[in-house]
Amino acid sequence: MSEQLKTGIKVGLLVFGLVLVGFLANRQLRKASVTGEDGMQAYYFDESEQRLYLAARESVPPLLGVGGAENDGVRAIVVACRGECGDPNKQKVAYYETYAPPLKQLFEDIRSARAKGEIYEGKGPERESSFVAKNTMVRRDGETVWYLMTTKDGVKIVDEWKSWRCGDGQGMVVCTPE
C-alpha cells in the first residue's frame, strides 16, 4: 500500500470520527433543550421545614418539600444587593410563588411531554397571559395568606421588593443559584 493511500485512509477516518462526534454532540444538545435538562436550579422554600433549598428550575410548585410533605415546596424569589447573591446571609426573600391546580397540571403536562422528547399538543399559555396570572399565587415571607397575582395585594407583593435599597442606594437584584 502506498504512503499516499495510507495518509488518505487516516484523513478519511479522522474526518469520519469528527463528523460522528459532532453528530452525537448535536443530538445530545438538542435532547437537553427539548427536555429542559439544562442543570439550572432555582430557590424553593419548604413551608413545614421553614428553609430554603434548591431544586430544578423547571420544577412546578407546589412540590414535595425537602421534609417529605406533599405540596410543601414553593418557589422563592430571592434578592440581594448586586454582587452579594452568593452570600446566604445577605440574601432576602422578596416573596413566595405557587400555582393553582389547573396551571400546575398544565405545566406538568408540558414538562412531561418535553421529558419524553415530544411536542406538547395542547394549548400552552404565554408566561404573561391572564390564565397564568390568574392561577399564580404569591405571599410575603413570614405571612400565611396567599394572594392571586392579579389582585391588588398580589401586585403589591410582587412589586414591593423593587423599592428596597442597598447601602449604596442601588436597587436589589434577583439571585439565581450558581
Protein backbone atom coordinates (compact mmCIF):
# COMPACT_ATOMS: atom_id res chain seq x y z
CA MET A 1 0.00 0.00 0.00
CA SER A 2 1.41 3.37 -0.96
CA GLU A 3 2.15 6.11 1.55
CA GLN A 4 -0.37 8.37 -0.18
CA LEU A 5 -3.15 5.77 0.23
CA LYS A 6 -2.30 5.26 3.91
CA THR A 7 -2.44 9.02 4.51
CA GLY A 8 -5.76 9.23 2.66
CA ILE A 9 -7.26 6.46 4.80
CA LYS A 10 -6.05 8.14 8.02
CA VAL A 11 -7.51 11.50 6.96
CA GLY A 12 -10.78 9.83 5.97
CA LEU A 13 -11.06 8.05 9.32
CA LEU A 14 -10.23 11.27 11.17
CA VAL A 15 -12.91 13.21 9.25
CA PHE A 16 -15.44 10.40 9.83
CA GLY A 17 -14.65 10.43 13.56
CA LEU A 18 -15.06 14.20 13.80
CA VAL A 19 -18.38 14.09 11.94
CA LEU A 20 -19.61 11.30 14.24
CA VAL A 21 -18.58 13.21 17.39
CA GLY A 22 -20.27 16.36 16.05
CA PHE A 23 -23.45 14.44 15.24
CA LEU A 24 -23.61 12.84 18.70
CA ALA A 25 -22.89 16.15 20.47
CA ASN A 26 -25.59 17.93 18.44
CA ARG A 27 -28.10 15.17 19.22
CA GLN A 28 -27.34 15.39 22.95
CA LEU A 29 -27.66 19.20 22.95
CA ARG A 30 -30.99 19.08 21.13
CA LYS A 31 -32.29 16.45 23.55
CA ALA A 32 -31.24 18.59 26.51
CA SER A 33 -33.00 21.66 25.09
CA VAL A 34 -36.20 19.67 24.49
CA THR A 35 -36.27 18.12 27.95
CA GLY A 36 -35.15 21.23 29.78
CA GLU A 37 -32.31 19.33 31.41
CA ASP A 38 -30.03 22.32 31.47
CA GLY A 39 -28.99 21.81 35.07
CA MET A 40 -30.33 25.20 36.13
CA GLN A 41 -31.71 25.45 39.62
CA ALA A 42 -33.94 27.88 41.46
CA TYR A 43 -34.68 28.67 45.08
CA TYR A 44 -37.61 26.95 46.73
CA PHE A 45 -38.96 27.14 50.27
CA ASP A 46 -40.16 24.19 52.33
CA GLU A 47 -43.08 25.57 54.30
CA SER A 48 -43.11 22.98 57.10
CA GLU A 49 -39.30 22.84 57.45
CA GLN A 50 -39.11 26.66 57.13
CA ARG A 51 -35.98 26.64 55.00
CA LEU A 52 -34.76 27.46 51.52
CA TYR A 53 -33.48 24.72 49.25
CA LEU A 54 -32.50 24.30 45.61
CA ALA A 55 -34.47 22.33 43.03
CA ALA A 56 -34.58 22.16 39.24
CA ARG A 57 -35.67 25.48 37.78
CA GLU A 58 -38.42 23.79 35.77
CA SER A 59 -39.99 22.26 38.91
CA VAL A 60 -43.66 23.19 39.21
CA PRO A 61 -44.78 24.32 42.67
CA PRO A 62 -46.26 23.30 44.93
CA LEU A 63 -43.96 20.31 45.09
CA LEU A 64 -42.72 17.77 47.56
CA GLY A 65 -40.80 19.59 50.26
CA VAL A 66 -37.37 18.52 51.48
CA GLY A 67 -39.01 17.24 54.65
CA GLY A 68 -41.21 14.90 52.59
CA ALA A 69 -44.54 16.71 52.98
CA GLU A 70 -46.71 16.84 49.84
CA ASN A 71 -47.29 20.28 48.24
CA ASP A 72 -44.90 21.82 50.73
CA GLY A 73 -42.31 23.34 48.39
CA VAL A 74 -42.97 26.73 46.81
CA ARG A 75 -40.74 28.88 44.61
CA ALA A 76 -38.82 31.56 46.48
CA ILE A 77 -37.86 34.79 44.77
CA VAL A 78 -34.58 35.64 46.48
CA VAL A 79 -32.91 39.05 46.16
CA ALA A 80 -29.73 40.71 47.38
CA CYS A 81 -27.55 43.68 46.64
CA ARG A 82 -25.52 43.40 43.44
CA GLY A 83 -22.53 41.15 44.00
CA GLU A 84 -23.91 39.66 47.22
CA CYS A 85 -26.17 36.90 45.88
CA GLY A 86 -23.57 34.26 46.74
CA ASP A 87 -23.74 35.11 50.45
CA PRO A 88 -26.80 33.49 52.11
CA ASN A 89 -26.53 35.98 54.98
CA LYS A 90 -27.07 38.87 52.56
CA GLN A 91 -29.99 37.30 50.69
CA LYS A 92 -33.59 38.25 51.38
CA VAL A 93 -36.80 36.57 50.23
CA ALA A 94 -38.83 39.02 48.16
CA TYR A 95 -41.85 36.71 48.02
CA TYR A 96 -43.00 33.13 47.51
CA GLU A 97 -44.88 31.87 44.47
CA THR A 98 -47.01 28.80 43.78
CA TYR A 99 -49.59 27.70 41.24
CA ALA A 100 -53.26 26.78 41.44
CA PRO A 101 -54.07 23.18 40.39
CA PRO A 102 -55.18 23.97 36.78
CA LEU A 103 -51.94 25.80 35.99
CA LYS A 104 -49.77 23.26 37.82
CA GLN A 105 -51.36 20.47 35.78
CA LEU A 106 -50.81 22.32 32.52
CA PHE A 107 -47.14 22.97 33.31
CA GLU A 108 -46.68 19.34 34.41
CA ASP A 109 -48.21 18.11 31.13
CA ILE A 110 -45.87 20.35 29.11
CA ARG A 111 -42.87 19.24 31.16
CA SER A 112 -43.82 15.57 30.79
CA ALA A 113 -44.07 15.87 27.01
CA ARG A 114 -40.67 17.56 26.83
CA ALA A 115 -39.12 14.88 29.04
CA LYS A 116 -40.32 12.27 26.53
CA GLY A 117 -38.89 14.30 23.66
CA GLU A 118 -42.39 15.01 22.37
CA ILE A 119 -44.11 18.21 21.34
CA TYR A 120 -46.90 19.26 23.69
CA GLU A 121 -50.10 19.10 21.66
CA GLY A 122 -52.30 21.16 23.97
CA LYS A 123 -52.61 24.91 24.13
CA GLY A 124 -49.89 26.34 26.32
CA PRO A 125 -50.32 29.86 27.69
CA GLU A 126 -47.68 32.55 27.40
CA ARG A 127 -45.89 33.34 30.66
CA GLU A 128 -47.52 36.79 30.69
CA SER A 129 -51.04 35.53 29.88
CA SER A 130 -54.01 36.26 32.11
CA PHE A 131 -54.50 32.50 32.65
CA VAL A 132 -51.04 32.25 34.21
CA ALA A 133 -51.53 35.39 36.29
CA LYS A 134 -54.98 34.29 37.49
CA ASN A 135 -53.59 30.92 38.59
CA THR A 136 -50.38 32.13 40.22
CA MET A 137 -50.45 32.89 43.93
CA VAL A 138 -47.92 34.90 45.92
CA ARG A 139 -47.25 35.69 49.57
CA ARG A 140 -44.69 37.52 51.66
CA ASP A 141 -42.07 35.84 53.80
CA GLY A 142 -43.41 35.35 57.31
CA GLU A 143 -47.07 35.53 56.24
CA THR A 144 -49.51 32.69 55.60
CA VAL A 145 -52.12 34.25 53.32
CA TRP A 146 -51.72 33.62 49.58
CA TYR A 147 -52.98 36.22 47.08
CA LEU A 148 -53.69 35.75 43.41
CA MET A 149 -51.09 37.64 41.41
CA THR A 150 -53.88 39.60 39.69
CA THR A 151 -55.25 41.13 42.89
CA LYS A 152 -54.18 44.49 44.29
CA ASP A 153 -52.39 42.74 47.18
CA GLY A 154 -50.72 40.27 44.79
CA VAL A 155 -49.38 43.03 42.55
CA LYS A 156 -48.09 44.91 45.60
CA ILE A 157 -46.26 41.81 46.91
CA VAL A 158 -44.60 41.14 43.55
CA ASP A 159 -43.50 44.75 43.12
CA GLU A 160 -42.57 45.94 46.62
CA TRP A 161 -39.04 44.47 46.69
CA LYS A 162 -38.15 46.69 43.73
CA SER A 163 -38.17 49.67 46.11
CA TRP A 164 -35.73 48.02 48.56
CA ARG A 165 -32.35 49.75 48.53
CA CYS A 166 -28.82 48.69 49.28
CA GLY A 167 -26.29 50.76 51.27
CA ASP A 168 -25.14 52.46 48.07
CA GLY A 169 -28.70 53.41 47.12
CA GLN A 170 -28.87 50.88 44.30
CA GLY A 171 -31.83 48.52 43.96
CA MET A 172 -31.61 44.84 44.74
CA VAL A 173 -31.31 42.11 42.09
CA VAL A 174 -32.94 38.69 41.80
CA CYS A 175 -30.50 35.94 42.76
CA THR A 176 -30.12 32.71 40.82
CA PRO A 177 -28.20 29.79 42.31
CA GLU A 178 -24.77 29.18 40.86
